Amino acid sequence: QVQLVESGGGLVKPGGSLRLSCAASGFTFSSASMRWYRQPPGKEREWVAHIASNSITGYADSVKGRFTISRDNVNDRVDMQTNGLKPEDTAVYYCSAVVIDNRRNDYWGQGTQVTVSS
């Protein structure tokens, strides 16, 4: 059974940092493309960052230079270091895995809340 469990969210002041983590199980983690998405209050879910199985990364323009995604294929975990947080980064952050076997499978965690406020 695939599980993605996010942690590390919380309340932080503008300019602060958080390290989000996603613990994965139930699939071959090293072969999966891992992503972070977020859903701000009242808005649609949006892609934030991804890291491919070969560790190539990509970022949304809104977070480029402030967020860093990384993966640990030994412990089956993907992290995202978020620095220079802004109020507009307030959202529920979701971890996602794309696993290709005979077909594409998309899996999602339950999310972790990040609130940036003074």
C-alpha atoms as a PDB file:
ATOM      1  CA  GLN A   1       0.000   0.000   0.000  1.00  0.00           C
ATOM      2  CA  VAL A   2       1.444   3.333  -1.077  1.00  0.00           C
ATOM      3  CA  GLN A   3       1.802   5.925   1.668  1.00  0.00           C
ATOM      4  CA  LEU A   4       3.113   9.471   1.550  1.00  0.00           C
ATOM      5  CA  VAL A   5       3.261  11.233   4.900  1.00  0.00           C
ATOM      6  CA  GLU A   6       4.194  14.897   5.050  1.00  0.00           C
ATOM      7  CA  SER A   7       5.571  16.688   8.078  1.00  0.00           C
ATOM      8  CA  GLY A   8       7.335  19.912   9.006  1.00  0.00           C
ATOM      9  CA  GLY A   9       4.616  22.464   8.423  1.00  0.00           C
ATOM     10  CA  GLY A  10       3.731  25.158  10.911  1.00  0.00           C
ATOM     11  CA  LEU A  11       3.412  28.851  11.628  1.00  0.00           C
ATOM     12  CA  VAL A  12       6.381  31.009  10.710  1.00  0.00           C
ATOM     13  CA  LYS A  13       7.023  34.741  10.410  1.00  0.00           C
ATOM     14  CA  PRO A  14       7.814  36.344   7.066  1.00  0.00           C
ATOM     15  CA  GLY A  15      11.424  35.708   6.154  1.00  0.00           C
ATOM     16  CA  GLY A  16      11.500  32.519   8.159  1.00  0.00           C
ATOM     17  CA  SER A  17      12.241  28.954   7.101  1.00  0.00           C
ATOM     18  CA  LEU A  18      10.695  25.520   7.333  1.00  0.00           C
ATOM     19  CA  ARG A  19      11.885  22.122   6.219  1.00  0.00           C
ATOM     20  CA  LEU A  20       9.083  19.978   4.847  1.00  0.00           C
ATOM     21  CA  SER A  21       9.543  16.224   4.678  1.00  0.00           C
ATOM     22  CA  CYS A  22       7.650  13.438   2.979  1.00  0.00           C
ATOM     23  CA  ALA A  23       8.158   9.825   4.051  1.00  0.00           C
ATOM     24  CA  ALA A  24       7.291   7.357   1.313  1.00  0.00           C
ATOM     25  CA  SER A  25       6.508   3.650   1.374  1.00  0.00           C
ATOM     26  CA  GLY A  26       4.833   0.986  -0.710  1.00  0.00           C
ATOM     27  CA  PHE A  27       6.643   1.585  -4.003  1.00  0.00           C
ATOM     28  CA  THR A  28      10.141   1.704  -5.467  1.00  0.00           C
ATOM     29  CA  PHE A  29      11.051   5.171  -4.300  1.00  0.00           C
ATOM     30  CA  SER A  30      14.302   5.484  -6.230  1.00  0.00           C
ATOM     31  CA  SER A  31      12.434   5.096  -9.528  1.00  0.00           C
ATOM     32  CA  ALA A  32       9.721   7.621  -8.765  1.00  0.00           C
ATOM     33  CA  SER A  33       9.478  11.261  -9.718  1.00  0.00           C
ATOM     34  CA  MET A  34       8.666  13.188  -6.556  1.00  0.00           C
ATOM     35  CA  ARG A  35       6.838  16.509  -6.424  1.00  0.00           C
ATOM     36  CA  TRP A  36       5.604  19.123  -4.039  1.00  0.00           C
ATOM     37  CA  TYR A  37       2.383  20.965  -4.715  1.00  0.00           C
ATOM     38  CA  ARG A  38       0.529  23.517  -2.640  1.00  0.00           C
ATOM     39  CA  GLN A  39      -2.994  24.818  -2.342  1.00  0.00           C
ATOM     40  CA  PRO A  40      -3.376  28.357  -0.988  1.00  0.00           C
ATOM     41  CA  PRO A  41      -6.641  29.199   0.758  1.00  0.00           C
ATOM     42  CA  GLY A  42      -9.423  29.653  -1.760  1.00  0.00           C
ATOM     43  CA  LYS A  43      -7.198  28.791  -4.716  1.00  0.00           C
ATOM     44  CA  GLU A  44      -6.409  25.778  -6.852  1.00  0.00           C
ATOM     45  CA  ARG A  45      -3.588  23.393  -6.181  1.00  0.00           C
ATOM     46  CA  GLU A  46      -0.352  24.406  -7.893  1.00  0.00           C
ATOM     47  CA  TRP A  47       2.917  22.698  -8.645  1.00  0.00           C
ATOM     48  CA  VAL A  48       5.881  23.932  -6.580  1.00  0.00           C
ATOM     49  CA  ALA A  49       8.865  21.707  -7.311  1.00  0.00           C
ATOM     50  CA  HIS A  50       9.887  18.299  -8.568  1.00  0.00           C
ATOM     51  CA  ILE A  51      12.871  16.015  -8.397  1.00  0.00           C
ATOM     52  CA  ALA A  52      13.261  13.237 -10.915  1.00  0.00           C
ATOM     53  CA  SER A  53      14.678   9.787 -10.269  1.00  0.00           C
ATOM     54  CA  ASN A  54      18.009  11.068 -11.595  1.00  0.00           C
ATOM     55  CA  SER A  55      17.782  14.022  -9.147  1.00  0.00           C
ATOM     56  CA  ILE A  56      17.161  16.651 -11.801  1.00  0.00           C
ATOM     57  CA  THR A  57      15.064  19.359 -10.202  1.00  0.00           C
ATOM     58  CA  GLY A  58      12.584  21.988 -11.312  1.00  0.00           C
ATOM     59  CA  TYR A  59      10.878  24.866  -9.541  1.00  0.00           C
ATOM     60  CA  ALA A  60       7.962  27.192 -10.032  1.00  0.00           C
ATOM     61  CA  ASP A  61       9.104  30.757 -10.691  1.00  0.00           C
ATOM     62  CA  SER A  62       7.422  31.922  -7.505  1.00  0.00           C
ATOM     63  CA  VAL A  63       9.768  29.815  -5.326  1.00  0.00           C
ATOM     64  CA  LYS A  64      12.923  29.623  -7.412  1.00  0.00           C
ATOM     65  CA  GLY A  65      15.946  30.638  -5.367  1.00  0.00           C
ATOM     66  CA  ARG A  66      14.075  30.247  -2.075  1.00  0.00           C
ATOM     67  CA  PHE A  67      13.011  26.581  -2.020  1.00  0.00           C
ATOM     68  CA  THR A  68      15.248  23.558  -2.467  1.00  0.00           C
ATOM     69  CA  ILE A  69      13.972  20.046  -3.060  1.00  0.00           C
ATOM     70  CA  SER A  70      16.093  16.985  -2.285  1.00  0.00           C
ATOM     71  CA  ARG A  71      15.645  13.252  -2.047  1.00  0.00           C
ATOM     72  CA  ASP A  72      17.067  10.470   0.109  1.00  0.00           C
ATOM     73  CA  ASN A  73      16.839   7.161  -1.709  1.00  0.00           C
ATOM     74  CA  VAL A  74      18.178   5.258   1.314  1.00  0.00           C
ATOM     75  CA  ASN A  75      15.434   6.394   3.655  1.00  0.00           C
ATOM     76  CA  ASP A  76      12.747   6.892   0.973  1.00  0.00           C
ATOM     77  CA  ARG A  77      12.187  10.514   1.778  1.00  0.00           C
ATOM     78  CA  VAL A  78      11.866  13.771  -0.118  1.00  0.00           C
ATOM     79  CA  ASP A  79      12.471  17.077   1.598  1.00  0.00           C
ATOM     80  CA  MET A  80      11.936  20.661   0.669  1.00  0.00           C
ATOM     81  CA  GLN A  81      13.807  23.438   2.401  1.00  0.00           C
ATOM     82  CA  THR A  82      11.775  26.623   2.280  1.00  0.00           C
ATOM     83  CA  ASN A  83      13.604  29.877   2.986  1.00  0.00           C
ATOM     84  CA  GLY A  84      12.592  33.501   2.803  1.00  0.00           C
ATOM     85  CA  LEU A  85       8.964  32.609   3.346  1.00  0.00           C
ATOM     86  CA  LYS A  86       6.331  35.136   2.351  1.00  0.00           C
ATOM     87  CA  PRO A  87       2.678  35.439   3.348  1.00  0.00           C
ATOM     88  CA  GLU A  88       1.731  34.299  -0.155  1.00  0.00           C
ATOM     89  CA  ASP A  89       3.483  30.983   0.539  1.00  0.00           C
ATOM     90  CA  THR A  90       0.702  30.176   2.996  1.00  0.00           C
ATOM     91  CA  ALA A  91      -0.890  26.956   1.794  1.00  0.00           C
ATOM     92  CA  VAL A  92      -1.370  23.287   2.408  1.00  0.00           C
ATOM     93  CA  TYR A  93       1.679  21.567   0.953  1.00  0.00           C
ATOM     94  CA  TYR A  94       1.275  18.161  -0.630  1.00  0.00           C
ATOM     95  CA  CYS A  95       3.810  15.514  -1.529  1.00  0.00           C
ATOM     96  CA  SER A  96       3.184  13.563  -4.716  1.00  0.00           C
ATOM     97  CA  ALA A  97       4.799  10.566  -6.354  1.00  0.00           C
ATOM     98  CA  VAL A  98       4.622   9.571 -10.000  1.00  0.00           C
ATOM     99  CA  VAL A  99       5.362   5.886 -10.426  1.00  0.00           C
ATOM    100  CA  ILE A 100       5.561   4.286 -13.842  1.00  0.00           C
ATOM    101  CA  ASP A 101       5.096   0.531 -14.094  1.00  0.00           C
ATOM    102  CA  ASN A 102       2.727  -0.678 -16.786  1.00  0.00           C
ATOM    103  CA  ARG A 103       1.008   2.694 -16.569  1.00  0.00           C
ATOM    104  CA  ARG A 104       1.370   6.031 -14.825  1.00  0.00           C
ATOM    105  CA  ASN A 105       0.303   6.082 -11.179  1.00  0.00           C
ATOM    106  CA  ASP A 106      -0.036   9.333  -9.250  1.00  0.00           C
ATOM    107  CA  TYR A 107      -0.069   9.205  -5.469  1.00  0.00           C
ATOM    108  CA  TRP A 108      -0.705  11.983  -2.956  1.00  0.00           C
ATOM    109  CA  GLY A 109      -0.107  12.624   0.699  1.00  0.00           C
ATOM    110  CA  GLN A 110      -2.624  14.282   3.006  1.00  0.00           C
ATOM    111  CA  GLY A 111      -0.755  17.559   3.206  1.00  0.00           C
ATOM    112  CA  THR A 112       0.895  19.753   5.807  1.00  0.00           C
ATOM    113  CA  GLN A 113      -0.179  23.304   6.587  1.00  0.00           C
ATOM    114  CA  VAL A 114       2.296  26.154   6.206  1.00  0.00           C
ATOM    115  CA  THR A 115       1.209  29.535   7.506  1.00  0.00           C
ATOM    116  CA  VAL A 116       3.397  32.604   7.058  1.00  0.00           C
ATOM    117  CA  SER A 117       2.203  35.474   9.193  1.00  0.00           C
ATOM    118  CA  SER A 118       3.562  38.108  11.521  1.00  0.00           C
END
